[in-house]
Amino acid sequence: MSEGPDLSARETLAAEHALGLLGAGDRAEAEARMARDSAFATLVDDWRARLTPMLDAMAPVEPRAAVWAGVERALGANDNAAARRRLRFWRGATLGSLGLAAASLAFAVLVVSRSLEPAPPPAAPPMLNASLMTPGEGSHPMFVAAYDPVRQALIITSLARPGADPGHGHQLWVIPADGQPHSLGMIAPGASKSMPMPKAMAPMFTPGAAIVASLEPPGGSPTGRPSGPMAAVGKLGRI
């Protein structure tokens, strides 16, 4: 768990004043600052508004009368003025400690709750695209492809004219940085399709990876590697 954010000295003073944690001198100084600094006064009021509902929800704790009677008897001098003063001091200190504990608890809950606010979701990775061009002179686009890293799918469209070469088909390959081709399957001329990628292949689709179409028999390459001439090639890049 991450720690809560540190408060500035100004906001800490405002929070402590709102909680009633300041001594007489510091409290007087804070009141004087509120009188001359409207922004600081607003900050104190904001802290009071945030903390008051939490403190109101805590039931007051009042010791039973029998407890104080037992303390008086334990002092051994019921009529002794000094003993009574000590009794009044401890009674006040006990109640004050309860209030201080409640205020400190509210302050701690507020600061920790800030650190627990959910972080914004990470941005989705960008899509990649490629235009697969025919090799040699007179090069022109033959396929357009886009890789969706969220769905882990390659969306590709063939721009080839259907029926131009019925004895062959186009097989698609991805060639990552290691230079080894991996088959993506066949695509018919003029068709569009979405090709979901196995989890193991998803890391291959990065900027700079090549998408290649080779000319193969209708059933695909018999060797598991491109066996016919390269019909088109393009590299993935960020959109």
Protein backbone atom coordinates (compact mmCIF):
# COMPACT_ATOMS: atom_id res chain seq x y z
CA MET A 1 0.00 0.00 0.00
CA SER A 2 1.33 3.44 -0.85
CA GLU A 3 1.64 6.16 1.76
CA GLY A 4 -0.72 9.12 1.74
CA PRO A 5 0.45 12.42 0.24
CA ASP A 6 2.33 14.82 2.52
CA LEU A 7 0.36 17.92 3.51
CA SER A 8 1.91 21.35 3.24
CA ALA A 9 2.66 23.24 6.47
CA ARG A 10 -0.22 25.61 5.70
CA GLU A 11 -2.74 22.80 5.18
CA THR A 12 -1.46 20.91 8.22
CA LEU A 13 -2.02 24.00 10.39
CA ALA A 14 -5.53 24.40 8.97
CA ALA A 15 -6.35 20.73 9.60
CA GLU A 16 -4.99 20.80 13.17
CA HIS A 17 -6.96 23.95 13.92
CA ALA A 18 -10.14 22.40 12.50
CA LEU A 19 -9.56 19.31 14.67
CA GLY A 20 -8.88 21.37 17.81
CA LEU A 21 -5.38 19.98 18.25
CA LEU A 22 -3.57 23.31 18.73
CA GLY A 23 -2.45 24.70 22.05
CA ALA A 24 -3.68 28.09 23.25
CA GLY A 25 -0.82 30.05 21.66
CA ASP A 26 -0.94 28.30 18.31
CA ARG A 27 -4.73 28.48 18.29
CA ALA A 28 -4.64 32.25 18.81
CA GLU A 29 -2.09 32.57 16.02
CA ALA A 30 -4.29 30.49 13.70
CA GLU A 31 -7.35 32.60 14.52
CA ALA A 32 -5.39 35.77 13.78
CA ARG A 33 -4.22 34.30 10.48
CA MET A 34 -7.82 33.44 9.56
CA ALA A 35 -8.81 37.07 10.20
CA ARG A 36 -6.21 38.44 7.81
CA ASP A 37 -6.01 35.59 5.28
CA SER A 38 -9.38 34.70 3.74
CA ALA A 39 -7.89 31.80 1.77
CA PHE A 40 -6.56 30.24 4.97
CA ALA A 41 -9.93 30.76 6.65
CA THR A 42 -11.62 28.99 3.76
CA LEU A 43 -9.14 26.12 4.08
CA VAL A 44 -9.98 25.72 7.79
CA ASP A 45 -13.70 25.77 6.99
CA ASP A 46 -13.18 23.13 4.30
CA TRP A 47 -11.42 20.86 6.80
CA ARG A 48 -14.21 21.37 9.33
CA ALA A 49 -16.82 20.52 6.70
CA ARG A 50 -15.00 17.29 5.80
CA LEU A 51 -14.30 16.17 9.36
CA THR A 52 -17.45 17.18 11.24
CA PRO A 53 -19.64 14.37 9.83
CA MET A 54 -17.03 11.80 10.86
CA LEU A 55 -16.76 13.17 14.39
CA ASP A 56 -20.55 13.45 14.77
CA ALA A 57 -20.81 9.75 14.00
CA MET A 58 -18.71 8.88 17.08
CA ALA A 59 -20.79 8.42 20.22
CA PRO A 60 -19.48 10.33 23.28
CA VAL A 61 -17.95 8.23 26.04
CA GLU A 62 -18.81 9.31 29.58
CA PRO A 63 -17.44 7.27 32.53
CA ARG A 64 -20.01 6.01 35.07
CA ALA A 65 -20.37 8.03 38.28
CA ALA A 66 -19.16 5.04 40.29
CA VAL A 67 -15.82 5.23 38.53
CA TRP A 68 -15.12 8.75 39.75
CA ALA A 69 -16.35 7.89 43.25
CA GLY A 70 -13.83 5.05 43.38
CA VAL A 71 -11.07 7.37 42.24
CA GLU A 72 -11.96 9.88 44.97
CA ARG A 73 -11.87 7.18 47.64
CA ALA A 74 -8.54 5.92 46.32
CA LEU A 75 -7.01 9.37 46.81
CA GLY A 76 -7.33 8.91 50.56
CA ALA A 77 -8.31 12.53 51.36
CA ASN A 78 -11.85 13.31 50.28
CA ASP A 79 -11.76 16.84 51.67
CA ASN A 80 -8.28 17.63 50.51
CA ALA A 81 -8.34 20.49 48.01
CA ALA A 82 -5.15 19.40 46.28
CA ALA A 83 -6.54 15.90 45.79
CA ARG A 84 -9.73 17.34 44.31
CA ARG A 85 -7.68 19.43 41.94
CA ARG A 86 -5.81 16.33 40.84
CA LEU A 87 -9.13 14.56 40.38
CA ARG A 88 -10.48 17.37 38.20
CA PHE A 89 -7.26 17.32 36.19
CA TRP A 90 -7.40 13.58 35.47
CA ARG A 91 -11.10 13.73 34.68
CA GLY A 92 -10.52 16.50 32.17
CA ALA A 93 -7.44 14.81 30.78
CA THR A 94 -9.36 11.56 30.28
CA LEU A 95 -12.20 13.21 28.37
CA GLY A 96 -9.74 15.35 26.43
CA SER A 97 -7.77 12.28 25.42
CA LEU A 98 -10.93 10.65 24.11
CA GLY A 99 -11.69 13.70 21.99
CA LEU A 100 -8.10 13.92 20.76
CA ALA A 101 -8.09 10.23 19.86
CA ALA A 102 -11.33 10.60 17.89
CA ALA A 103 -10.02 13.67 16.05
CA SER A 104 -6.70 12.00 15.28
CA LEU A 105 -8.51 8.93 13.99
CA ALA A 106 -10.68 11.06 11.69
CA PHE A 107 -7.61 12.89 10.39
CA ALA A 108 -5.77 9.61 9.73
CA VAL A 109 -8.77 8.11 7.93
CA LEU A 110 -9.02 11.20 5.70
CA VAL A 111 -5.33 11.18 4.71
CA VAL A 112 -5.23 7.41 4.10
CA SER A 113 -8.43 7.55 2.05
CA ARG A 114 -6.70 9.95 -0.32
CA SER A 115 -3.95 7.42 -0.98
CA LEU A 116 -6.55 4.71 -1.69
CA GLU A 117 -8.30 6.58 -4.48
CA PRO A 118 -8.20 4.37 -7.58
CA ALA A 119 -5.61 5.27 -10.19
CA PRO A 120 -6.83 6.07 -13.65
CA PRO A 121 -6.85 3.06 -15.96
CA PRO A 122 -3.80 2.75 -18.22
CA ALA A 123 -4.23 3.99 -21.77
CA ALA A 124 -4.91 1.29 -24.36
CA PRO A 125 -1.86 0.49 -26.53
CA PRO A 126 -2.10 2.07 -29.99
CA MET A 127 -3.15 0.11 -33.04
CA LEU A 128 -0.54 -0.71 -35.69
CA ASN A 129 -1.06 -0.60 -39.44
CA ALA A 130 0.77 -1.65 -42.57
CA SER A 131 0.32 -1.19 -46.29
CA LEU A 132 1.62 -4.28 -48.12
CA MET A 133 3.19 -3.19 -51.40
CA THR A 134 4.11 -5.27 -54.43
CA PRO A 135 7.90 -5.55 -54.99
CA GLY A 136 9.88 -4.01 -57.86
CA GLU A 137 9.09 -1.16 -60.22
CA GLY A 138 5.50 0.03 -60.43
CA SER A 139 4.94 -0.97 -56.79
CA HIS A 140 1.37 -0.55 -55.59
CA PRO A 141 -0.59 -1.54 -52.48
CA MET A 142 -1.98 -5.08 -52.56
CA PHE A 143 -3.12 -5.46 -48.94
CA VAL A 144 -3.93 -3.11 -46.06
CA ALA A 145 -3.59 -4.45 -42.54
CA ALA A 146 -4.17 -3.25 -38.98
CA TYR A 147 -3.23 -4.99 -35.74
CA ASP A 148 -5.44 -4.43 -32.69
CA PRO A 149 -3.32 -5.13 -29.55
CA VAL A 150 -6.38 -5.04 -27.27
CA ARG A 151 -8.22 -7.78 -29.16
CA GLN A 152 -4.95 -9.35 -30.34
CA ALA A 153 -6.25 -9.66 -33.88
CA LEU A 154 -4.96 -8.75 -37.35
CA ILE A 155 -7.56 -7.16 -39.61
CA ILE A 156 -6.53 -7.39 -43.27
CA THR A 157 -8.09 -6.57 -46.63
CA SER A 158 -6.92 -7.91 -49.99
CA LEU A 159 -6.97 -5.45 -52.87
CA ALA A 160 -6.24 -8.19 -55.42
CA ARG A 161 -8.74 -8.79 -58.21
CA PRO A 162 -10.70 -12.03 -57.61
CA GLY A 163 -10.15 -14.78 -60.19
CA ALA A 164 -6.93 -13.33 -61.57
CA ASP A 165 -4.86 -16.44 -60.65
CA PRO A 166 -7.13 -19.35 -59.67
CA GLY A 167 -4.17 -21.77 -59.40
CA HIS A 168 -2.58 -19.92 -56.49
CA GLY A 169 -3.52 -18.23 -53.26
CA HIS A 170 -1.99 -15.65 -50.93
CA GLN A 171 -0.60 -16.83 -47.62
CA LEU A 172 0.18 -14.23 -44.95
CA TRP A 173 3.21 -14.27 -42.66
CA VAL A 174 4.49 -12.17 -39.80
CA ILE A 175 8.26 -11.73 -39.58
CA PRO A 176 9.33 -10.28 -36.18
CA ALA A 177 12.76 -8.97 -35.22
CA ASP A 178 14.35 -12.46 -35.25
CA GLY A 179 13.68 -12.76 -39.00
CA GLN A 180 11.73 -16.03 -38.72
CA PRO A 181 8.41 -16.13 -40.64
CA HIS A 182 5.27 -17.37 -38.89
CA SER A 183 2.19 -18.29 -40.89
CA LEU A 184 -1.02 -16.31 -40.35
CA GLY A 185 -3.14 -18.28 -42.83
CA MET A 186 -4.60 -17.78 -46.30
CA ILE A 187 -6.68 -14.91 -47.62
CA ALA A 188 -8.77 -14.92 -50.79
CA PRO A 189 -8.38 -12.14 -53.40
CA GLY A 190 -10.65 -9.19 -52.64
CA ALA A 191 -11.58 -10.55 -49.18
CA SER A 192 -11.40 -8.90 -45.75
CA LYS A 193 -10.97 -10.89 -42.57
CA SER A 194 -10.03 -10.65 -38.91
CA MET A 195 -7.39 -13.09 -37.74
CA PRO A 196 -7.25 -13.65 -33.96
CA MET A 197 -3.68 -14.31 -32.87
CA PRO A 198 -2.64 -17.03 -30.41
CA LYS A 199 -1.31 -15.59 -27.15
CA ALA A 200 2.20 -16.82 -27.98
CA MET A 201 2.23 -14.83 -31.25
CA ALA A 202 0.88 -11.53 -29.89
CA PRO A 203 4.37 -10.26 -28.84
CA MET A 204 5.51 -10.57 -32.48
CA PHE A 205 3.25 -7.69 -33.54
CA THR A 206 5.40 -4.68 -32.74
CA PRO A 207 6.38 -1.57 -34.71
CA GLY A 208 8.82 -2.64 -37.44
CA ALA A 209 7.59 -6.23 -37.71
CA ALA A 210 6.97 -7.22 -41.34
CA ILE A 211 3.72 -8.60 -42.75
CA VAL A 212 4.36 -10.58 -45.95
CA ALA A 213 2.06 -12.20 -48.51
CA SER A 214 3.55 -15.04 -50.51
CA LEU A 215 2.11 -16.75 -53.58
CA GLU A 216 1.36 -20.37 -52.63
CA PRO A 217 -0.70 -23.37 -53.76
CA PRO A 218 -4.41 -23.08 -52.85
CA GLY A 219 -3.89 -25.17 -49.69
CA GLY A 220 -0.95 -23.09 -48.47
CA SER A 221 2.79 -23.64 -48.29
CA PRO A 222 3.73 -27.34 -48.09
CA THR A 223 6.90 -26.57 -46.11
CA GLY A 224 5.59 -24.37 -43.29
CA ARG A 225 7.69 -21.53 -44.68
CA PRO A 226 7.17 -19.24 -47.67
CA SER A 227 7.72 -21.46 -50.71
CA GLY A 228 6.52 -19.19 -53.52
CA PRO A 229 7.49 -15.69 -54.62
CA MET A 230 6.75 -12.73 -52.39
CA ALA A 231 3.60 -10.96 -53.60
CA ALA A 232 3.62 -8.01 -51.17
CA VAL A 233 5.33 -6.79 -48.01
CA GLY A 234 4.83 -4.01 -45.46
CA LYS A 235 6.02 -3.05 -41.98
CA LEU A 236 3.78 -2.39 -39.00
CA GLY A 237 3.82 1.15 -37.66
CA ARG A 238 1.81 3.17 -35.13
CA ILE A 239 -1.31 4.85 -36.41
